[in-house]
Structure formats: structure tokens, C-alpha cells
N, C-alpha and C. Protein backbone atom coordinates (compact mmCIF):
# COMPACT_ATOMS: atom_id res chain seq x y z
N ILE A 1 9.64 -32.30 15.52
CA ILE A 1 10.19 -31.78 14.27
C ILE A 1 9.38 -32.32 13.09
N GLU A 2 8.97 -33.56 13.17
CA GLU A 2 8.21 -34.17 12.07
C GLU A 2 6.90 -33.43 11.82
N ILE A 3 6.24 -33.02 12.90
CA ILE A 3 4.98 -32.29 12.75
C ILE A 3 5.22 -30.97 12.03
N ARG A 4 6.29 -30.26 12.40
CA ARG A 4 6.59 -28.97 11.76
C ARG A 4 6.94 -29.16 10.29
N VAL A 5 7.70 -30.20 9.96
CA VAL A 5 8.06 -30.47 8.57
C VAL A 5 6.79 -30.73 7.76
N ASN A 6 5.90 -31.53 8.29
CA ASN A 6 4.65 -31.83 7.58
C ASN A 6 3.79 -30.57 7.42
N THR A 7 3.75 -29.75 8.44
CA THR A 7 3.01 -28.49 8.35
C THR A 7 3.62 -27.61 7.27
N GLY A 8 4.94 -27.53 7.23
CA GLY A 8 5.63 -26.74 6.21
C GLY A 8 5.32 -27.23 4.81
N LYS A 9 5.26 -28.53 4.63
CA LYS A 9 4.94 -29.10 3.32
C LYS A 9 3.54 -28.66 2.88
N GLU A 10 2.60 -28.68 3.79
CA GLU A 10 1.24 -28.26 3.47
C GLU A 10 1.19 -26.76 3.15
N GLU A 11 1.95 -25.97 3.90
CA GLU A 11 2.00 -24.53 3.63
C GLU A 11 2.56 -24.26 2.24
N ILE A 12 3.59 -24.99 1.87
CA ILE A 12 4.20 -24.82 0.55
C ILE A 12 3.21 -25.20 -0.55
N LYS A 13 2.49 -26.28 -0.36
CA LYS A 13 1.51 -26.72 -1.36
C LYS A 13 0.41 -25.68 -1.56
N ASN A 14 0.11 -24.93 -0.52
CA ASN A 14 -1.00 -23.97 -0.55
C ASN A 14 -0.54 -22.52 -0.63
N TYR A 15 0.65 -22.29 -1.15
CA TYR A 15 1.21 -20.94 -1.13
C TYR A 15 0.34 -19.91 -1.84
N LYS A 16 -0.45 -20.32 -2.81
CA LYS A 16 -1.28 -19.36 -3.55
C LYS A 16 -2.42 -18.80 -2.70
N LYS A 17 -2.69 -19.42 -1.57
CA LYS A 17 -3.75 -18.94 -0.68
C LYS A 17 -3.28 -17.78 0.20
N TYR A 18 -1.98 -17.54 0.22
CA TYR A 18 -1.42 -16.52 1.09
C TYR A 18 -1.18 -15.22 0.33
N ASP A 19 -1.11 -14.12 1.03
CA ASP A 19 -0.84 -12.82 0.41
C ASP A 19 0.65 -12.61 0.18
N TYR A 20 1.49 -13.21 0.99
CA TYR A 20 2.93 -13.01 0.91
C TYR A 20 3.64 -14.35 1.06
N VAL A 21 4.81 -14.44 0.41
CA VAL A 21 5.67 -15.62 0.55
C VAL A 21 7.03 -15.14 1.03
N ILE A 22 7.48 -15.69 2.14
CA ILE A 22 8.79 -15.35 2.66
C ILE A 22 9.59 -16.63 2.81
N THR A 23 10.75 -16.65 2.18
CA THR A 23 11.65 -17.79 2.36
C THR A 23 12.64 -17.42 3.45
N ASN A 24 13.07 -18.39 4.17
CA ASN A 24 13.90 -18.15 5.34
C ASN A 24 15.33 -18.63 5.10
N PHE A 25 15.87 -18.32 3.91
CA PHE A 25 17.22 -18.77 3.58
C PHE A 25 18.28 -17.85 4.17
N ASP A 26 17.99 -16.56 4.20
CA ASP A 26 18.94 -15.56 4.67
C ASP A 26 18.23 -14.69 5.70
N VAL A 27 18.74 -14.64 6.92
CA VAL A 27 18.06 -13.94 8.01
C VAL A 27 17.85 -12.46 7.68
N GLU A 28 18.89 -11.79 7.19
CA GLU A 28 18.77 -10.36 6.89
C GLU A 28 17.72 -10.11 5.80
N GLU A 29 17.72 -10.93 4.78
CA GLU A 29 16.74 -10.78 3.71
C GLU A 29 15.32 -11.05 4.22
N THR A 30 15.19 -12.02 5.10
CA THR A 30 13.89 -12.35 5.68
C THR A 30 13.37 -11.17 6.50
N VAL A 31 14.23 -10.59 7.32
CA VAL A 31 13.83 -9.44 8.13
C VAL A 31 13.42 -8.27 7.24
N GLU A 32 14.19 -8.00 6.18
CA GLU A 32 13.85 -6.92 5.25
C GLU A 32 12.48 -7.17 4.61
N SER A 33 12.22 -8.41 4.24
CA SER A 33 10.93 -8.75 3.63
C SER A 33 9.79 -8.51 4.60
N ILE A 34 9.97 -8.93 5.83
CA ILE A 34 8.92 -8.75 6.84
C ILE A 34 8.67 -7.27 7.09
N LEU A 35 9.74 -6.49 7.24
CA LEU A 35 9.58 -5.05 7.46
C LEU A 35 8.90 -4.37 6.28
N SER A 36 9.22 -4.82 5.08
CA SER A 36 8.58 -4.27 3.88
C SER A 36 7.09 -4.57 3.87
N ILE A 37 6.73 -5.78 4.25
CA ILE A 37 5.31 -6.16 4.31
C ILE A 37 4.58 -5.32 5.35
N VAL A 38 5.19 -5.15 6.51
CA VAL A 38 4.57 -4.35 7.57
C VAL A 38 4.34 -2.92 7.07
N GLN A 39 5.34 -2.33 6.42
CA GLN A 39 5.19 -0.97 5.90
C GLN A 39 4.09 -0.90 4.84
N SER A 40 4.05 -1.89 3.96
CA SER A 40 3.01 -1.92 2.93
C SER A 40 1.62 -1.99 3.54
N GLU A 41 1.47 -2.81 4.55
CA GLU A 41 0.17 -2.95 5.20
C GLU A 41 -0.25 -1.64 5.88
N LYS A 42 0.70 -0.95 6.47
CA LYS A 42 0.39 0.33 7.11
C LYS A 42 -0.06 1.37 6.08
N SER A 43 0.38 1.21 4.83
CA SER A 43 0.08 2.18 3.79
C SER A 43 -1.19 1.87 3.00
N ARG A 44 -1.88 0.81 3.34
CA ARG A 44 -3.10 0.46 2.62
C ARG A 44 -4.14 1.57 2.76
N VAL A 45 -4.85 1.81 1.70
CA VAL A 45 -5.90 2.83 1.70
C VAL A 45 -6.94 2.53 2.77
N SER A 46 -7.22 1.26 2.99
CA SER A 46 -8.25 0.89 3.97
C SER A 46 -7.86 1.29 5.39
N HIS A 47 -6.59 1.57 5.62
CA HIS A 47 -6.13 1.98 6.95
C HIS A 47 -5.97 3.49 7.07
N TYR A 48 -6.21 4.20 5.97
CA TYR A 48 -5.98 5.65 5.95
C TYR A 48 -7.11 6.39 6.65
N ILE A 49 -6.74 7.25 7.56
CA ILE A 49 -7.70 8.11 8.25
C ILE A 49 -7.21 9.55 8.07
N PRO A 50 -7.94 10.37 7.30
CA PRO A 50 -7.51 11.75 7.11
C PRO A 50 -7.47 12.50 8.44
N THR A 51 -6.39 13.23 8.65
CA THR A 51 -6.27 13.98 9.90
C THR A 51 -6.34 15.48 9.68
N SER A 52 -6.00 15.93 8.51
CA SER A 52 -6.03 17.37 8.21
C SER A 52 -7.45 17.79 7.83
N ASP A 53 -7.90 18.91 8.37
CA ASP A 53 -9.23 19.42 8.04
C ASP A 53 -9.35 19.72 6.55
N ASP A 54 -8.25 20.23 5.95
CA ASP A 54 -8.27 20.52 4.51
C ASP A 54 -8.49 19.26 3.70
N ILE A 55 -7.81 18.19 4.05
CA ILE A 55 -7.97 16.92 3.33
C ILE A 55 -9.37 16.37 3.54
N LYS A 56 -9.86 16.44 4.77
CA LYS A 56 -11.21 15.97 5.06
C LYS A 56 -12.24 16.71 4.21
N GLU A 57 -12.04 18.03 4.06
CA GLU A 57 -12.97 18.83 3.26
C GLU A 57 -12.91 18.43 1.79
N LEU A 58 -11.72 18.19 1.26
CA LEU A 58 -11.58 17.78 -0.14
C LEU A 58 -12.21 16.42 -0.40
N LEU A 59 -12.11 15.53 0.57
CA LEU A 59 -12.65 14.18 0.41
C LEU A 59 -14.16 14.14 0.61
N GLY A 60 -14.70 15.20 1.15
CA GLY A 60 -16.14 15.27 1.34
C GLY A 60 -16.53 14.62 2.59
């Protein structure tokens, strides 16, 4: 347990290095936050692959 507590302290000190911060105070809220992050990541432009021929033509 001591190792995990110390790791957590270091993670908290370095929170600005992360893209997301999730607190684990409320399980339902934590799950909602994680699902929201997953959805956001799926929607990133860098992950977009045009599938329609019309869209492909418009994008060049």
C-alpha cells in the first residue's frame, strides 16, 4: 500500500503532464468521465478515415 500511496503522490505532483485528470471519489462519476474520454478520443480528427466516396472526393 505504501508504494501505491507514494506513486499516487508523484502522479498528483505531475498532473500537468497528463491529458486528463480523473478523481476517484464517486464511482459513477469516474465511469462517466472515462467513457467521455474514450468517446472524445474516438472523435479525434487524427483517427478519422473517410469512408464515403463523396467525402473522399471533396477532401481531395
